Amino acid sequence: MNFFTALDIGASGLKAQREYLNVVSMNMANARTTRTAEGGPYRRKSVSMESSPVLSPFETAMNQQMNQQLRGVTVRGIVSDTRPFKEVYEPNHPDANSKGIVRYPDINVVEEMVNMINISRSYEANAQSVDSAKRMFNRALRIGMGQ
């Protein structure tokens, strides 16, 4: 593992957490959306992540001799939640059906806030790992300069 590999791993985590935070903010913003362009209420979304190789194919071939298995994280996709919609009796709502029932997305704001806090902590941990790698690199440069 070299200096840039440590940065690549931290950067992949930062990128994945940023994408996840965007999805959580979309969920919170659309918690009361009853009409979308696709029709029907907004569907809660979630992020699917998977580990991915950090090294380029050349680096992978070189490092196979050393048996390194370093992996980062990537967003595999954004998936829609399959939870049923909440049905609320609101006969005066413009999207109410003939029985006065309005379908809302099943988004729990508290659950989304907990997800946001977890994302924030993970983002901070990745930023800290990148910062630590930078500090180690700077110290190595100072040693090389004889300071």
Protein backbone atom coordinates (compact mmCIF):
# COMPACT_ATOMS: atom_id res chain seq x y z
CA MET A 1 0.00 0.00 0.00
CA ASN A 2 1.40 3.38 -0.91
CA PHE A 3 0.41 6.91 0.06
CA PHE A 4 -2.03 7.37 -2.80
CA THR A 5 -3.80 4.09 -2.05
CA ALA A 6 -4.67 5.38 1.43
CA LEU A 7 -6.04 8.56 -0.14
CA ASP A 8 -8.03 6.57 -2.72
CA ILE A 9 -9.68 4.45 -0.03
CA GLY A 10 -10.63 7.53 2.01
CA ALA A 11 -11.85 9.38 -1.08
CA SER A 12 -14.07 6.48 -2.14
CA GLY A 13 -15.71 6.52 1.30
CA LEU A 14 -16.23 10.28 1.13
CA LYS A 15 -17.83 10.02 -2.30
CA ALA A 16 -20.16 7.18 -1.24
CA GLN A 17 -21.27 8.98 1.93
CA ARG A 18 -21.93 12.19 -0.02
CA GLU A 19 -24.21 10.25 -2.39
CA TYR A 20 -26.01 8.65 0.55
CA LEU A 21 -26.51 12.06 2.19
CA ASN A 22 -28.08 13.39 -1.03
CA VAL A 23 -30.56 10.50 -1.03
CA VAL A 24 -31.48 11.04 2.64
CA SER A 25 -32.03 14.76 2.02
CA MET A 26 -34.28 13.92 -0.96
CA ASN A 27 -36.29 11.58 1.27
CA MET A 28 -36.75 14.26 3.93
CA ALA A 29 -37.66 16.92 1.37
CA ASN A 30 -40.31 14.66 -0.18
CA ALA A 31 -41.80 13.24 3.04
CA ARG A 32 -45.20 14.81 2.21
CA THR A 33 -45.13 14.60 -1.60
CA THR A 34 -48.32 13.01 -2.87
CA ARG A 35 -47.86 13.58 -6.59
CA THR A 36 -44.73 12.84 -8.67
CA ALA A 37 -43.96 12.91 -12.38
CA GLU A 38 -44.09 9.10 -12.41
CA GLY A 39 -47.52 9.20 -10.80
CA GLY A 40 -48.48 8.51 -7.20
CA PRO A 41 -46.65 9.50 -4.04
CA TYR A 42 -42.87 9.79 -3.76
CA ARG A 43 -41.12 6.48 -3.10
CA ARG A 44 -38.48 6.49 -0.35
CA LYS A 45 -35.03 5.78 -1.78
CA SER A 46 -32.01 4.04 -0.33
CA VAL A 47 -28.40 3.58 -1.41
CA SER A 48 -26.82 0.23 -2.18
CA MET A 49 -23.05 0.14 -1.65
CA GLU A 50 -20.43 -2.46 -2.39
CA SER A 51 -16.70 -2.82 -1.98
CA SER A 52 -14.61 -2.14 -5.05
CA PRO A 53 -10.96 -2.52 -5.90
CA VAL A 54 -8.91 0.58 -5.28
CA LEU A 55 -5.94 -0.32 -7.38
CA SER A 56 -5.71 0.12 -11.17
CA PRO A 57 -5.34 -3.09 -13.23
CA PHE A 58 -1.58 -2.51 -13.52
CA GLU A 59 -1.23 -1.92 -9.80
CA THR A 60 -3.39 -4.97 -9.13
CA ALA A 61 -1.11 -7.15 -11.25
CA MET A 62 1.94 -5.77 -9.48
CA ASN A 63 0.46 -6.17 -6.02
CA GLN A 64 -0.87 -9.67 -6.55
CA GLN A 65 2.65 -10.83 -5.90
CA MET A 66 2.42 -9.19 -2.48
CA ASN A 67 -1.09 -10.61 -1.91
CA GLN A 68 -2.73 -7.26 -1.09
CA GLN A 69 -6.52 -7.08 -1.09
CA LEU A 70 -7.24 -3.41 -0.49
CA ARG A 71 -10.79 -2.35 -1.30
CA GLY A 72 -12.72 0.92 -1.28
CA VAL A 73 -16.46 1.48 -1.49
CA THR A 74 -18.68 2.51 -4.40
CA VAL A 75 -22.35 3.23 -4.72
CA ARG A 76 -23.87 0.33 -6.65
CA GLY A 77 -27.15 2.09 -7.17
CA ILE A 78 -30.09 3.91 -5.68
CA VAL A 79 -33.02 1.66 -4.99
CA SER A 80 -36.63 2.52 -4.24
CA ASP A 81 -38.12 1.31 -1.01
CA THR A 82 -41.05 -1.10 -1.28
CA ARG A 83 -42.82 -0.04 1.90
CA PRO A 84 -46.55 0.51 1.45
CA PHE A 85 -47.75 4.10 1.40
CA LYS A 86 -49.38 5.66 4.47
CA GLU A 87 -53.07 6.30 3.95
CA VAL A 88 -54.55 9.33 5.68
CA TYR A 89 -58.17 10.48 5.62
CA GLU A 90 -58.13 14.04 4.23
CA PRO A 91 -61.25 14.58 2.10
CA ASN A 92 -60.33 18.18 1.20
CA HIS A 93 -56.88 17.29 -0.17
CA PRO A 94 -56.61 17.69 -3.98
CA ASP A 95 -55.08 14.19 -4.31
CA ALA A 96 -57.72 12.45 -2.19
CA ASN A 97 -59.53 9.52 -3.81
CA SER A 98 -63.32 9.10 -3.87
CA LYS A 99 -63.26 7.87 -0.23
CA GLY A 100 -61.20 10.88 0.93
CA ILE A 101 -58.02 8.86 1.42
CA VAL A 102 -54.64 10.46 0.53
CA ARG A 103 -51.57 8.26 0.09
CA TYR A 104 -48.32 9.67 1.53
CA PRO A 105 -44.78 8.26 1.32
CA ASP A 106 -43.87 6.08 4.32
CA ILE A 107 -40.93 8.24 5.38
CA ASN A 108 -40.09 8.45 9.07
CA VAL A 109 -38.24 11.71 9.64
CA VAL A 110 -36.62 10.37 12.82
CA GLU A 111 -35.26 7.36 10.91
CA GLU A 112 -33.88 9.67 8.23
CA MET A 113 -32.23 11.88 10.88
CA VAL A 114 -30.56 8.81 12.41
CA ASN A 115 -29.31 7.84 8.95
CA MET A 116 -28.02 11.39 8.49
CA ILE A 117 -26.10 11.26 11.78
CA ASN A 118 -24.55 7.90 10.81
CA ILE A 119 -23.55 9.29 7.43
CA SER A 120 -22.04 12.34 9.08
CA ARG A 121 -19.94 10.17 11.42
CA SER A 122 -18.78 7.97 8.58
CA TYR A 123 -17.90 11.03 6.49
CA GLU A 124 -15.86 12.45 9.39
CA ALA A 125 -14.02 9.13 9.81
CA ASN A 126 -13.11 9.05 6.13
CA ALA A 127 -12.00 12.69 6.20
CA GLN A 128 -9.88 11.93 9.26
CA SER A 129 -8.19 9.00 7.49
CA VAL A 130 -7.35 11.22 4.51
CA ASP A 131 -5.99 13.89 6.85
CA SER A 132 -3.89 11.31 8.72
CA ALA A 133 -2.40 10.05 5.45
CA LYS A 134 -1.53 13.63 4.48
CA ARG A 135 0.15 14.28 7.84
CA MET A 136 2.19 11.06 7.56
CA PHE A 137 3.29 12.06 4.09
CA ASN A 138 4.34 15.53 5.27
CA ARG A 139 6.33 14.05 8.15
CA ALA A 140 8.06 11.64 5.77
CA LEU A 141 8.99 14.61 3.56
CA ARG A 142 10.44 16.46 6.56
CA ILE A 143 12.52 13.40 7.48
CA GLY A 144 13.75 13.27 3.90
CA MET A 145 14.71 16.95 4.06
CA GLY A 146 16.63 16.37 7.30
CA GLN A 147 14.32 18.44 9.54
